[in-house]
Amino acid sequence: MLEASDGTLIYLQNRGFVYRKDPDSGVPAGVGADPSTPYYFRITPAFRTPIGPHDWLTRTVILGVGKRHQNPDYTYFRYYAVL
């Protein structure tokens, strides 16, 4: 759940893929790949909101990119609306 600055609660569900990439080919690396190898981390969020100023999220195609943080408690997401 997210809470907008106006207090509206927004339900967010992310679905996607994350795997290590082979740095030379860009394709998934095998089991036991070097943990420092970059990740392919793409998501497609789905939102549920009440009717109002945030319901545009429910009818917009949005894609996201994730990034793992060194601290395993954190993951960064960046979202893009497809217009």
C-alpha atoms as a PDB file:
ATOM      1  CA  MET A   1       0.000   0.000   0.000  1.00  0.00           C
ATOM      2  CA  LEU A   2       1.067   3.518  -0.780  1.00  0.00           C
ATOM      3  CA  GLU A   3      -0.326   6.623   0.825  1.00  0.00           C
ATOM      4  CA  ALA A   4      -0.547   9.705  -1.402  1.00  0.00           C
ATOM      5  CA  SER A   5       0.142  13.150   0.032  1.00  0.00           C
ATOM      6  CA  ASP A   6      -3.630  13.748   0.200  1.00  0.00           C
ATOM      7  CA  GLY A   7      -4.104  10.618   2.327  1.00  0.00           C
ATOM      8  CA  THR A   8      -5.500   8.413  -0.469  1.00  0.00           C
ATOM      9  CA  LEU A   9      -4.492   4.763  -0.091  1.00  0.00           C
ATOM     10  CA  ILE A  10      -3.231   3.181  -3.316  1.00  0.00           C
ATOM     11  CA  TYR A  11      -2.755  -0.574  -3.664  1.00  0.00           C
ATOM     12  CA  LEU A  12       0.299  -1.497  -5.739  1.00  0.00           C
ATOM     13  CA  GLN A  13       1.234  -4.934  -7.053  1.00  0.00           C
ATOM     14  CA  ASN A  14       4.498  -5.361  -8.975  1.00  0.00           C
ATOM     15  CA  ARG A  15       5.080  -8.284 -11.309  1.00  0.00           C
ATOM     16  CA  GLY A  16       8.236  -8.766 -13.261  1.00  0.00           C
ATOM     17  CA  PHE A  17      11.541 -10.459 -13.841  1.00  0.00           C
ATOM     18  CA  VAL A  18      14.917 -10.239 -12.206  1.00  0.00           C
ATOM     19  CA  TYR A  19      18.003 -12.205 -13.168  1.00  0.00           C
ATOM     20  CA  ARG A  20      21.727 -11.713 -13.562  1.00  0.00           C
ATOM     21  CA  LYS A  21      22.904 -10.873 -17.057  1.00  0.00           C
ATOM     22  CA  ASP A  22      25.955 -12.245 -18.784  1.00  0.00           C
ATOM     23  CA  PRO A  23      27.889  -8.991 -19.307  1.00  0.00           C
ATOM     24  CA  ASP A  24      29.127 -10.042 -22.756  1.00  0.00           C
ATOM     25  CA  SER A  25      25.875 -11.193 -24.323  1.00  0.00           C
ATOM     26  CA  GLY A  26      23.141  -9.594 -22.212  1.00  0.00           C
ATOM     27  CA  VAL A  27      21.395 -12.953 -21.804  1.00  0.00           C
ATOM     28  CA  PRO A  28      20.732 -14.646 -18.455  1.00  0.00           C
ATOM     29  CA  ALA A  29      23.821 -16.020 -16.761  1.00  0.00           C
ATOM     30  CA  GLY A  30      23.895 -19.556 -15.439  1.00  0.00           C
ATOM     31  CA  VAL A  31      23.572 -20.754 -11.875  1.00  0.00           C
ATOM     32  CA  GLY A  32      26.445 -19.577  -9.728  1.00  0.00           C
ATOM     33  CA  ALA A  33      27.004 -16.410 -11.758  1.00  0.00           C
ATOM     34  CA  ASP A  34      29.221 -13.743 -10.269  1.00  0.00           C
ATOM     35  CA  PRO A  35      27.041 -11.699  -7.858  1.00  0.00           C
ATOM     36  CA  SER A  36      28.636  -8.456  -9.102  1.00  0.00           C
ATOM     37  CA  THR A  37      27.174  -9.094 -12.579  1.00  0.00           C
ATOM     38  CA  PRO A  38      24.451  -6.563 -13.446  1.00  0.00           C
ATOM     39  CA  TYR A  39      20.811  -7.512 -13.121  1.00  0.00           C
ATOM     40  CA  TYR A  40      17.981  -7.383 -15.620  1.00  0.00           C
ATOM     41  CA  PHE A  41      15.151  -6.127 -13.398  1.00  0.00           C
ATOM     42  CA  ARG A  42      11.916  -5.069 -15.114  1.00  0.00           C
ATOM     43  CA  ILE A  43       8.460  -4.732 -13.586  1.00  0.00           C
ATOM     44  CA  THR A  44       4.889  -3.971 -14.569  1.00  0.00           C
ATOM     45  CA  PRO A  45       2.951  -2.435 -11.690  1.00  0.00           C
ATOM     46  CA  ALA A  46      -0.819  -2.641 -11.299  1.00  0.00           C
ATOM     47  CA  PHE A  47      -2.645  -0.084  -9.186  1.00  0.00           C
ATOM     48  CA  ARG A  48      -6.017  -0.034  -7.439  1.00  0.00           C
ATOM     49  CA  THR A  49      -7.284   3.337  -6.316  1.00  0.00           C
ATOM     50  CA  PRO A  50     -10.616   4.866  -5.381  1.00  0.00           C
ATOM     51  CA  ILE A  51     -12.235   7.047  -8.037  1.00  0.00           C
ATOM     52  CA  GLY A  52     -10.633  10.462  -7.809  1.00  0.00           C
ATOM     53  CA  PRO A  53      -7.395  12.269  -8.576  1.00  0.00           C
ATOM     54  CA  HIS A  54      -5.247   9.109  -8.596  1.00  0.00           C
ATOM     55  CA  ASP A  55      -7.446   6.774 -10.675  1.00  0.00           C
ATOM     56  CA  TRP A  56      -5.448   7.618 -13.815  1.00  0.00           C
ATOM     57  CA  LEU A  57      -2.982   5.017 -12.475  1.00  0.00           C
ATOM     58  CA  THR A  58      -5.570   2.288 -13.110  1.00  0.00           C
ATOM     59  CA  ARG A  59      -5.878   3.089 -16.824  1.00  0.00           C
ATOM     60  CA  THR A  60      -2.270   3.895 -17.747  1.00  0.00           C
ATOM     61  CA  VAL A  61       0.364   1.462 -19.025  1.00  0.00           C
ATOM     62  CA  ILE A  62       3.313   1.777 -16.678  1.00  0.00           C
ATOM     63  CA  LEU A  63       6.663  -0.013 -16.857  1.00  0.00           C
ATOM     64  CA  GLY A  64       9.355  -0.068 -14.237  1.00  0.00           C
ATOM     65  CA  VAL A  65      13.026  -0.747 -13.665  1.00  0.00           C
ATOM     66  CA  GLY A  66      14.301  -2.109 -10.386  1.00  0.00           C
ATOM     67  CA  LYS A  67      17.706  -1.901  -8.773  1.00  0.00           C
ATOM     68  CA  ARG A  68      18.882  -3.943  -5.834  1.00  0.00           C
ATOM     69  CA  HIS A  69      20.488  -2.048  -2.986  1.00  0.00           C
ATOM     70  CA  GLN A  70      23.548  -3.343  -1.144  1.00  0.00           C
ATOM     71  CA  ASN A  71      21.390  -3.562   1.968  1.00  0.00           C
ATOM     72  CA  PRO A  72      18.981  -6.458   1.258  1.00  0.00           C
ATOM     73  CA  ASP A  73      16.153  -4.540   2.950  1.00  0.00           C
ATOM     74  CA  TYR A  74      15.976  -2.017   0.087  1.00  0.00           C
ATOM     75  CA  THR A  75      15.085  -2.135  -3.592  1.00  0.00           C
ATOM     76  CA  TYR A  76      14.753   0.942  -5.783  1.00  0.00           C
ATOM     77  CA  PHE A  77      12.047   1.210  -8.440  1.00  0.00           C
ATOM     78  CA  ARG A  78      11.728   3.771 -11.221  1.00  0.00           C
ATOM     79  CA  TYR A  79       8.429   3.896 -13.122  1.00  0.00           C
ATOM     80  CA  TYR A  80       7.612   5.193 -16.597  1.00  0.00           C
ATOM     81  CA  ALA A  81       4.143   5.903 -18.023  1.00  0.00           C
ATOM     82  CA  VAL A  82       3.837   4.792 -21.644  1.00  0.00           C
ATOM     83  CA  LEU A  83       2.066   7.550 -23.564  1.00  0.00           C
END
